[in-house]
Amino acid sequence: MTLLLLLIDSYLARYFAAYAGIHYFFNGLFYLNTFQFLATAVPLIYPNWYKPYAGLPSDGYQKLSLLKKNI
């Protein structure tokens, strides 16, 4: 979902290039979603200090586990 939002924000930032304020808004969303996508794509199990997700696997870890299981 984050990757889809990243692509949509990229398109909208280019589409509204003539309007400075809106362009900066969608450009900021693009960078925010890029960071969010990269942070969740790293395969890891969240540590205990990361309270809401402590002990849960990231999306990248789940996909890597599925790949290993299917190979």
PDB file of N, CA and C in Angstrom:
ATOM      1  N   MET A   1       0.826  -1.184   0.000  1.00  0.00           N
ATOM      2  CA  MET A   1       0.000   0.000   0.000  1.00  0.00           C
ATOM      3  C   MET A   1       0.874   1.253   0.000  1.00  0.00           C
ATOM      4  N   THR A   2       1.944   1.204   0.753  1.00  0.00           N
ATOM      5  CA  THR A   2       2.834   2.364   0.803  1.00  0.00           C
ATOM      6  C   THR A   2       3.475   2.610  -0.551  1.00  0.00           C
ATOM      7  N   LEU A   3       3.829   1.539  -1.249  1.00  0.00           N
ATOM      8  CA  LEU A   3       4.417   1.684  -2.586  1.00  0.00           C
ATOM      9  C   LEU A   3       3.405   2.304  -3.545  1.00  0.00           C
ATOM     10  N   LEU A   4       2.153   1.916  -3.451  1.00  0.00           N
ATOM     11  CA  LEU A   4       1.116   2.501  -4.296  1.00  0.00           C
ATOM     12  C   LEU A   4       0.960   3.991  -4.004  1.00  0.00           C
ATOM     13  N   LEU A   5       0.930   4.374  -2.735  1.00  0.00           N
ATOM     14  CA  LEU A   5       0.847   5.792  -2.373  1.00  0.00           C
ATOM     15  C   LEU A   5       2.066   6.562  -2.850  1.00  0.00           C
ATOM     16  N   LEU A   6       3.218   5.935  -2.797  1.00  0.00           N
ATOM     17  CA  LEU A   6       4.448   6.557  -3.269  1.00  0.00           C
ATOM     18  C   LEU A   6       4.337   6.878  -4.755  1.00  0.00           C
ATOM     19  N   LEU A   7       3.840   5.947  -5.540  1.00  0.00           N
ATOM     20  CA  LEU A   7       3.697   6.163  -6.978  1.00  0.00           C
ATOM     21  C   LEU A   7       2.637   7.215  -7.290  1.00  0.00           C
ATOM     22  N   ILE A   8       1.536   7.200  -6.556  1.00  0.00           N
ATOM     23  CA  ILE A   8       0.482   8.200  -6.768  1.00  0.00           C
ATOM     24  C   ILE A   8       0.988   9.590  -6.414  1.00  0.00           C
ATOM     25  N   ASP A   9       1.704   9.722  -5.294  1.00  0.00           N
ATOM     26  CA  ASP A   9       2.253  11.029  -4.898  1.00  0.00           C
ATOM     27  C   ASP A   9       3.274  11.534  -5.904  1.00  0.00           C
ATOM     28  N   SER A  10       4.050  10.632  -6.455  1.00  0.00           N
ATOM     29  CA  SER A  10       5.023  11.022  -7.471  1.00  0.00           C
ATOM     30  C   SER A  10       4.321  11.578  -8.701  1.00  0.00           C
ATOM     31  N   TYR A  11       3.264  10.908  -9.125  1.00  0.00           N
ATOM     32  CA  TYR A  11       2.495  11.377 -10.283  1.00  0.00           C
ATOM     33  C   TYR A  11       1.855  12.731  -9.992  1.00  0.00           C
ATOM     34  N   LEU A  12       1.221  12.860  -8.822  1.00  0.00           N
ATOM     35  CA  LEU A  12       0.540  14.107  -8.489  1.00  0.00           C
ATOM     36  C   LEU A  12       1.515  15.271  -8.320  1.00  0.00           C
ATOM     37  N   ALA A  13       2.712  15.000  -7.810  1.00  0.00           N
ATOM     38  CA  ALA A  13       3.714  16.064  -7.658  1.00  0.00           C
ATOM     39  C   ALA A  13       4.130  16.591  -9.031  1.00  0.00           C
ATOM     40  N   ARG A  14       4.227  15.704 -10.018  1.00  0.00           N
ATOM     41  CA  ARG A  14       4.569  16.144 -11.370  1.00  0.00           C
ATOM     42  C   ARG A  14       3.374  16.806 -12.057  1.00  0.00           C
ATOM     43  N   TYR A  15       2.162  16.314 -11.783  1.00  0.00           N
ATOM     44  CA  TYR A  15       0.963  16.847 -12.419  1.00  0.00           C
ATOM     45  C   TYR A  15       0.681  18.273 -11.959  1.00  0.00           C
ATOM     46  N   PHE A  16       0.901  18.560 -10.691  1.00  0.00           N
ATOM     47  CA  PHE A  16       0.652  19.887 -10.140  1.00  0.00           C
ATOM     48  C   PHE A  16       1.917  20.727 -10.062  1.00  0.00           C
ATOM     49  N   ALA A  17       2.854  20.522 -10.963  1.00  0.00           N
ATOM     50  CA  ALA A  17       4.131  21.243 -10.933  1.00  0.00           C
ATOM     51  C   ALA A  17       3.949  22.748 -11.103  1.00  0.00           C
ATOM     52  N   ALA A  18       2.911  23.169 -11.799  1.00  0.00           N
ATOM     53  CA  ALA A  18       2.692  24.597 -12.028  1.00  0.00           C
ATOM     54  C   ALA A  18       2.207  25.321 -10.772  1.00  0.00           C
ATOM     55  N   TYR A  19       1.608  24.594  -9.841  1.00  0.00           N
ATOM     56  CA  TYR A  19       1.089  25.188  -8.611  1.00  0.00           C
ATOM     57  C   TYR A  19       2.071  24.909  -7.479  1.00  0.00           C
ATOM     58  N   ALA A  20       2.804  25.928  -7.065  1.00  0.00           N
ATOM     59  CA  ALA A  20       3.919  25.742  -6.133  1.00  0.00           C
ATOM     60  C   ALA A  20       3.500  25.111  -4.812  1.00  0.00           C
ATOM     61  N   GLY A  21       2.459  25.604  -4.185  1.00  0.00           N
ATOM     62  CA  GLY A  21       2.062  25.086  -2.876  1.00  0.00           C
ATOM     63  C   GLY A  21       1.635  23.637  -2.923  1.00  0.00           C
ATOM     64  N   ILE A  22       0.814  23.303  -3.901  1.00  0.00           N
ATOM     65  CA  ILE A  22       0.333  21.927  -4.024  1.00  0.00           C
ATOM     66  C   ILE A  22       1.477  21.004  -4.426  1.00  0.00           C
ATOM     67  N   HIS A  23       2.353  21.505  -5.282  1.00  0.00           N
ATOM     68  CA  HIS A  23       3.514  20.721  -5.704  1.00  0.00           C
ATOM     69  C   HIS A  23       4.375  20.348  -4.502  1.00  0.00           C
ATOM     70  N   TYR A  24       4.639  21.311  -3.623  1.00  0.00           N
ATOM     71  CA  TYR A  24       5.454  21.042  -2.438  1.00  0.00           C
ATOM     72  C   TYR A  24       4.757  20.066  -1.489  1.00  0.00           C
ATOM     73  N   PHE A  25       3.442  20.158  -1.392  1.00  0.00           N
ATOM     74  CA  PHE A  25       2.677  19.244  -0.544  1.00  0.00           C
ATOM     75  C   PHE A  25       2.824  17.804  -1.033  1.00  0.00           C
ATOM     76  N   PHE A  26       2.573  17.576  -2.320  1.00  0.00           N
ATOM     77  CA  PHE A  26       2.681  16.214  -2.858  1.00  0.00           C
ATOM     78  C   PHE A  26       4.126  15.738  -2.902  1.00  0.00           C
ATOM     79  N   ASN A  27       5.061  16.651  -3.087  1.00  0.00           N
ATOM     80  CA  ASN A  27       6.473  16.285  -3.053  1.00  0.00           C
ATOM     81  C   ASN A  27       6.861  15.836  -1.639  1.00  0.00           C
ATOM     82  N   GLY A  28       6.362  16.522  -0.621  1.00  0.00           N
ATOM     83  CA  GLY A  28       6.606  16.118   0.762  1.00  0.00           C
ATOM     84  C   GLY A  28       5.993  14.761   1.071  1.00  0.00           C
ATOM     85  N   LEU A  29       4.773  14.520   0.580  1.00  0.00           N
ATOM     86  CA  LEU A  29       4.142  13.207   0.759  1.00  0.00           C
ATOM     87  C   LEU A  29       4.952  12.113   0.076  1.00  0.00           C
ATOM     88  N   PHE A  30       5.516  12.438  -1.082  1.00  0.00           N
ATOM     89  CA  PHE A  30       6.350  11.469  -1.790  1.00  0.00           C
ATOM     90  C   PHE A  30       7.540  11.053  -0.929  1.00  0.00           C
ATOM     91  N   TYR A  31       8.247  12.021  -0.340  1.00  0.00           N
ATOM     92  CA  TYR A  31       9.405  11.701   0.486  1.00  0.00           C
ATOM     93  C   TYR A  31       9.006  10.960   1.766  1.00  0.00           C
ATOM     94  N   LEU A  32       7.893  11.341   2.355  1.00  0.00           N
ATOM     95  CA  LEU A  32       7.403  10.657   3.547  1.00  0.00           C
ATOM     96  C   LEU A  32       7.074   9.197   3.238  1.00  0.00           C
ATOM     97  N   ASN A  33       6.378   8.949   2.137  1.00  0.00           N
ATOM     98  CA  ASN A  33       6.020   7.587   1.762  1.00  0.00           C
ATOM     99  C   ASN A  33       7.232   6.775   1.310  1.00  0.00           C
ATOM    100  N   THR A  34       8.227   7.431   0.725  1.00  0.00           N
ATOM    101  CA  THR A  34       9.457   6.733   0.362  1.00  0.00           C
ATOM    102  C   THR A  34      10.152   6.224   1.618  1.00  0.00           C
ATOM    103  N   PHE A  35      10.270   7.073   2.631  1.00  0.00           N
ATOM    104  CA  PHE A  35      10.890   6.659   3.886  1.00  0.00           C
ATOM    105  C   PHE A  35      10.094   5.538   4.537  1.00  0.00           C
ATOM    106  N   GLN A  36       8.779   5.675   4.550  1.00  0.00           N
ATOM    107  CA  GLN A  36       7.925   4.668   5.169  1.00  0.00           C
ATOM    108  C   GLN A  36       8.048   3.326   4.454  1.00  0.00           C
ATOM    109  N   PHE A  37       8.084   3.345   3.133  1.00  0.00           N
ATOM    110  CA  PHE A  37       8.220   2.115   2.360  1.00  0.00           C
ATOM    111  C   PHE A  37       9.560   1.440   2.643  1.00  0.00           C
ATOM    112  N   LEU A  38      10.633   2.218   2.627  1.00  0.00           N
ATOM    113  CA  LEU A  38      11.959   1.641   2.872  1.00  0.00           C
ATOM    114  C   LEU A  38      12.089   1.122   4.300  1.00  0.00           C
ATOM    115  N   ALA A  39      11.478   1.809   5.257  1.00  0.00           N
ATOM    116  CA  ALA A  39      11.563   1.382   6.656  1.00  0.00           C
ATOM    117  C   ALA A  39      10.829   0.072   6.895  1.00  0.00           C
ATOM    118  N   THR A  40       9.719  -0.151   6.208  1.00  0.00           N
ATOM    119  CA  THR A  40       8.979  -1.388   6.408  1.00  0.00           C
ATOM    120  C   THR A  40       9.445  -2.510   5.491  1.00  0.00           C
ATOM    121  N   ALA A  41      10.183  -2.187   4.443  1.00  0.00           N
ATOM    122  CA  ALA A  41      10.661  -3.209   3.506  1.00  0.00           C
ATOM    123  C   ALA A  41      11.888  -3.951   4.035  1.00  0.00           C
ATOM    124  N   VAL A  42      12.548  -3.394   5.036  1.00  0.00           N
ATOM    125  CA  VAL A  42      13.723  -4.043   5.626  1.00  0.00           C
ATOM    126  C   VAL A  42      13.247  -5.240   6.452  1.00  0.00           C
ATOM    127  N   PRO A  43      13.771  -6.437   6.160  1.00  0.00           N
ATOM    128  CA  PRO A  43      13.309  -7.614   6.917  1.00  0.00           C
ATOM    129  C   PRO A  43      13.884  -7.644   8.333  1.00  0.00           C
ATOM    130  N   LEU A  44      13.030  -7.435   9.324  1.00  0.00           N
ATOM    131  CA  LEU A  44      13.451  -7.484  10.722  1.00  0.00           C
ATOM    132  C   LEU A  44      12.266  -7.754  11.618  1.00  0.00           C
ATOM    133  N   ILE A  45      12.562  -8.192  12.814  1.00  0.00           N
ATOM    134  CA  ILE A  45      11.542  -8.311  13.853  1.00  0.00           C
ATOM    135  C   ILE A  45      11.751  -7.113  14.770  1.00  0.00           C
ATOM    136  N   TYR A  46      10.694  -6.357  14.974  1.00  0.00           N
ATOM    137  CA  TYR A  46      10.826  -5.115  15.733  1.00  0.00           C
ATOM    138  C   TYR A  46      11.270  -5.388  17.162  1.00  0.00           C
ATOM    139  N   PRO A  47      12.231  -4.584  17.682  1.00  0.00           N
ATOM    140  CA  PRO A  47      12.745  -4.786  19.040  1.00  0.00           C
ATOM    141  C   PRO A  47      11.742  -4.353  20.109  1.00  0.00           C
ATOM    142  N   ASN A  48      12.031  -4.694  21.356  1.00  0.00           N
ATOM    143  CA  ASN A  48      11.126  -4.404  22.473  1.00  0.00           C
ATOM    144  C   ASN A  48      10.925  -2.912  22.719  1.00  0.00           C
ATOM    145  N   TRP A  49      11.925  -2.088  22.429  1.00  0.00           N
ATOM    146  CA  TRP A  49      11.779  -0.656  22.669  1.00  0.00           C
ATOM    147  C   TRP A  49      10.828   0.002  21.683  1.00  0.00           C
ATOM    148  N   TYR A  50      10.486  -0.689  20.607  1.00  0.00           N
ATOM    149  CA  TYR A  50       9.527  -0.179  19.628  1.00  0.00           C
ATOM    150  C   TYR A  50       8.143  -0.697  20.024  1.00  0.00           C
ATOM    151  N   LYS A  51       7.618  -0.124  21.110  1.00  0.00           N
ATOM    152  CA  LYS A  51       6.482  -0.665  21.859  1.00  0.00           C
ATOM    153  C   LYS A  51       5.281  -1.117  21.027  1.00  0.00           C
ATOM    154  N   PRO A  52       4.730  -0.326  20.122  1.00  0.00           N
ATOM    155  CA  PRO A  52       3.509  -0.803  19.463  1.00  0.00           C
ATOM    156  C   PRO A  52       3.714  -2.069  18.628  1.00  0.00           C
ATOM    157  N   TYR A  53       4.918  -2.254  18.109  1.00  0.00           N
ATOM    158  CA  TYR A  53       5.181  -3.382  17.221  1.00  0.00           C
ATOM    159  C   TYR A  53       6.192  -4.368  17.794  1.00  0.00           C
ATOM    160  N   ALA A  54       6.487  -4.293  19.062  1.00  0.00           N
ATOM    161  CA  ALA A  54       7.515  -5.133  19.689  1.00  0.00           C
ATOM    162  C   ALA A  54       7.249  -6.618  19.427  1.00  0.00           C
ATOM    163  N   GLY A  55       8.242  -7.288  18.856  1.00  0.00           N
ATOM    164  CA  GLY A  55       8.152  -8.713  18.592  1.00  0.00           C
ATOM    165  C   GLY A  55       7.464  -9.087  17.291  1.00  0.00           C
ATOM    166  N   LEU A  56       6.879  -8.126  16.601  1.00  0.00           N
ATOM    167  CA  LEU A  56       6.197  -8.410  15.346  1.00  0.00           C
ATOM    168  C   LEU A  56       7.166  -8.289  14.165  1.00  0.00           C
ATOM    169  N   PRO A  57       6.968  -9.068  13.113  1.00  0.00           N
ATOM    170  CA  PRO A  57       7.841  -8.967  11.939  1.00  0.00           C
ATOM    171  C   PRO A  57       7.416  -7.813  11.030  1.00  0.00           C
ATOM    172  N   SER A  58       8.388  -7.230  10.349  1.00  0.00           N
ATOM    173  CA  SER A  58       8.083  -6.181   9.381  1.00  0.00           C
ATOM    174  C   SER A  58       7.528  -6.814   8.109  1.00  0.00           C
ATOM    175  N   ASP A  59       7.038  -5.995   7.211  1.00  0.00           N
ATOM    176  CA  ASP A  59       6.504  -6.503   5.948  1.00  0.00           C
ATOM    177  C   ASP A  59       7.585  -7.208   5.140  1.00  0.00           C
ATOM    178  N   GLY A  60       8.784  -6.648   5.134  1.00  0.00           N
ATOM    179  CA  GLY A  60       9.890  -7.275   4.414  1.00  0.00           C
ATOM    180  C   GLY A  60      10.236  -8.637   4.984  1.00  0.00           C
ATOM    181  N   TYR A  61      10.162  -8.776   6.297  1.00  0.00           N
ATOM    182  CA  TYR A  61      10.444 -10.063   6.940  1.00  0.00           C
ATOM    183  C   TYR A  61       9.378 -11.093   6.573  1.00  0.00           C
ATOM    184  N   GLN A  62       8.132 -10.676   6.542  1.00  0.00           N
ATOM    185  CA  GLN A  62       7.050 -11.582   6.185  1.00  0.00           C
ATOM    186  C   GLN A  62       7.176 -12.050   4.739  1.00  0.00           C
ATOM    187  N   LYS A  63       7.523 -11.142   3.848  1.00  0.00           N
ATOM    188  CA  LYS A  63       7.692 -11.524   2.433  1.00  0.00           C
ATOM    189  C   LYS A  63       8.889 -12.449   2.259  1.00  0.00           C
ATOM    190  N   LEU A  64       9.956 -12.177   2.985  1.00  0.00           N
ATOM    191  CA  LEU A  64      11.132 -13.043   2.905  1.00  0.00           C
ATOM    192  C   LEU A  64      10.812 -14.439   3.453  1.00  0.00           C
ATOM    193  N   SER A  65      10.042 -14.513   4.519  1.00  0.00           N
ATOM    194  CA  SER A  65       9.623 -15.800   5.069  1.00  0.00           C
ATOM    195  C   SER A  65       8.763 -16.569   4.077  1.00  0.00           C
ATOM    196  N   LEU A  66       7.866 -15.883   3.396  1.00  0.00           N
ATOM    197  CA  LEU A  66       7.034 -16.548   2.385  1.00  0.00           C
ATOM    198  C   LEU A  66       7.862 -17.043   1.215  1.00  0.00           C
ATOM    199  N   LEU A  67       8.854 -16.253   0.812  1.00  0.00           N
ATOM    200  CA  LEU A  67       9.736 -16.689  -0.277  1.00  0.00           C
ATOM    201  C   LEU A  67      10.524 -17.937   0.115  1.00  0.00           C
ATOM    202  N   LYS A  68      11.044 -17.959   1.333  1.00  0.00           N
ATOM    203  CA  LYS A  68      11.803 -19.108   1.796  1.00  0.00           C
ATOM    204  C   LYS A  68      10.919 -20.348   1.900  1.00  0.00           C
ATOM    205  N   LYS A  69       9.671 -20.145   2.322  1.00  0.00           N
ATOM    206  CA  LYS A  69       8.744 -21.257   2.485  1.00  0.00           C
ATOM    207  C   LYS A  69       8.349 -21.856   1.129  1.00  0.00           C
ATOM    208  N   ASN A  70       8.246 -21.004   0.094  1.00  0.00           N
ATOM    209  CA  ASN A  70       7.809 -21.458  -1.215  1.00  0.00           C
ATOM    210  C   ASN A  70       8.941 -21.999  -2.086  1.00  0.00           C
ATOM    211  N   ILE A  71      10.156 -21.782  -1.680  1.00  0.00           N
ATOM    212  CA  ILE A  71      11.302 -22.253  -2.492  1.00  0.00           C
ATOM    213  C   ILE A  71      11.737 -23.631  -2.092  1.00  0.00           C
TER     214      ILE A  71
END
